[in-house]
Structures are given as C-alpha cells and as structure tokens.
Amino acid sequence: MNPESVAKRFDRLVAKCTLPRIRFHDLRHTHVAHLIAAGEQPLLIARRVGHASSSFTMDRCGHLFEAADSQAASAVAAMVDSAVVTKL
C-alpha cells in the first residue's frame, strides 16, 4: 500500500467521524505510549516501531518511562509488603 494513500484515507475517515484532526503518524506515537504504559521493554518497542535501536526509542520517548518507573516501584513495594505480611 502506498503510505500517502493510507494517510489520505485516514484523514477522510477522521473528518467524516467529526473527530479532532490527528495525523495517521500520531497513531504510532500513541501505540508507543501504550506499550510503555503496559510495561514493555524499550528493545521490544524499538523493534515494533522500526527504530534502529532502543536508545533511539529512549531518546524520543524516555519521558514516558518516568510514570512506568513509578508504577514498577509501587508494584515491587506491594510485593515486599505482601511477603512481610505473609511471614508474620
């Protein structure tokens, strides 16, 4: 498929649905954000979206990992709390 044709078709569909204007390429960024929120690893994300390396993904999207880092810390704290309660 021609990428330009896909983008134009997407633009027409968005307009027809009276949605706010978004570019087809914006879906890619949304996908990356969802993968990060789901806790996926940067290497997997980079491969999925065709980045040359995970460091490129981190350079572009590293700010999104901050919330994921907080979630991971909370998950570990919950596991530790649970283990302590279980042993008591």
Protein backbone atom coordinates (compact mmCIF):
# COMPACT_ATOMS: atom_id res chain seq x y z
CA MET A 1 0.00 0.00 0.00
CA ASN A 2 1.12 3.50 -0.69
CA PRO A 3 1.67 5.26 2.67
CA GLU A 4 0.39 8.54 1.27
CA SER A 5 -2.85 6.88 0.16
CA VAL A 6 -3.32 5.33 3.58
CA ALA A 7 -2.75 8.71 5.27
CA LYS A 8 -5.23 10.45 2.96
CA ARG A 9 -7.86 7.78 3.54
CA PHE A 10 -7.30 8.08 7.29
CA ASP A 11 -7.71 11.87 7.07
CA ARG A 12 -11.04 11.44 5.27
CA LEU A 13 -12.28 8.94 7.86
CA VAL A 14 -11.31 11.22 10.76
CA ALA A 15 -13.10 14.15 9.12
CA LYS A 16 -16.17 12.04 8.39
CA CYS A 17 -16.38 10.98 12.05
CA THR A 18 -16.05 14.63 13.14
CA LEU A 19 -13.06 13.80 15.30
CA PRO A 20 -10.35 16.32 16.12
CA ARG A 21 -7.68 16.39 13.42
CA ILE A 22 -4.95 13.83 14.08
CA ARG A 23 -2.35 12.52 11.67
CA PHE A 24 -2.06 8.84 10.82
CA HIS A 25 1.51 9.00 12.14
CA ASP A 26 0.14 10.12 15.54
CA LEU A 27 -1.26 6.60 15.96
CA ARG A 28 2.32 5.33 16.03
CA HIS A 29 3.17 7.62 18.95
CA THR A 30 0.02 6.54 20.76
CA HIS A 31 0.98 2.90 20.23
CA VAL A 32 4.42 3.53 21.73
CA ALA A 33 2.88 5.31 24.72
CA HIS A 34 0.50 2.38 25.31
CA LEU A 35 3.37 -0.13 25.10
CA ILE A 36 5.36 1.87 27.65
CA ALA A 37 2.33 2.11 29.96
CA ALA A 38 1.91 -1.66 29.63
CA GLY A 39 5.47 -2.11 30.89
CA GLU A 40 7.02 -3.35 27.66
CA GLN A 41 10.78 -3.20 27.30
CA PRO A 42 12.39 -0.46 25.14
CA LEU A 43 14.04 -3.06 22.87
CA LEU A 44 10.70 -4.67 22.04
CA ILE A 45 9.14 -1.25 21.42
CA ALA A 46 12.03 -0.22 19.17
CA ARG A 47 11.68 -3.38 17.10
CA ARG A 48 7.90 -3.00 16.85
CA VAL A 49 8.02 0.54 15.51
CA GLY A 50 11.15 0.12 13.41
CA HIS A 51 13.58 2.24 15.40
CA ALA A 52 17.24 1.47 14.73
CA SER A 53 17.93 0.95 18.43
CA SER A 54 16.31 1.03 21.83
CA SER A 55 18.45 4.05 22.68
CA PHE A 56 16.72 5.96 19.88
CA THR A 57 13.38 4.96 21.42
CA MET A 58 14.58 6.15 24.82
CA ASP A 59 15.82 9.45 23.35
CA ARG A 60 12.43 10.09 21.76
CA CYS A 61 10.10 8.61 24.40
CA GLY A 62 12.16 8.44 27.58
CA HIS A 63 9.94 10.93 29.36
CA LEU A 64 7.07 8.44 29.12
CA PHE A 65 9.05 5.85 31.04
CA GLU A 66 9.05 8.04 34.18
CA ALA A 67 5.45 7.11 35.02
CA ALA A 68 6.17 3.47 34.21
CA ASP A 69 9.14 3.59 36.60
CA SER A 70 6.89 4.85 39.39
CA GLN A 71 4.39 2.07 38.68
CA ALA A 72 7.17 -0.53 38.79
CA ALA A 73 8.40 0.80 42.14
CA SER A 74 4.85 0.61 43.53
CA ALA A 75 4.49 -2.97 42.28
CA VAL A 76 7.74 -4.03 43.96
CA ALA A 77 6.73 -2.28 47.19
CA ALA A 78 3.41 -4.12 47.14
CA MET A 79 5.19 -7.46 46.67
CA VAL A 80 7.55 -6.74 49.56
CA ASP A 81 4.65 -5.64 51.79
CA SER A 82 2.75 -8.78 50.88
CA ALA A 83 5.74 -11.01 51.63
CA VAL A 84 6.25 -9.36 55.01
CA VAL A 85 2.58 -9.75 55.96
CA THR A 86 2.60 -13.40 54.81
CA LYS A 87 5.60 -14.21 57.02
CA LEU A 88 4.07 -12.56 60.09
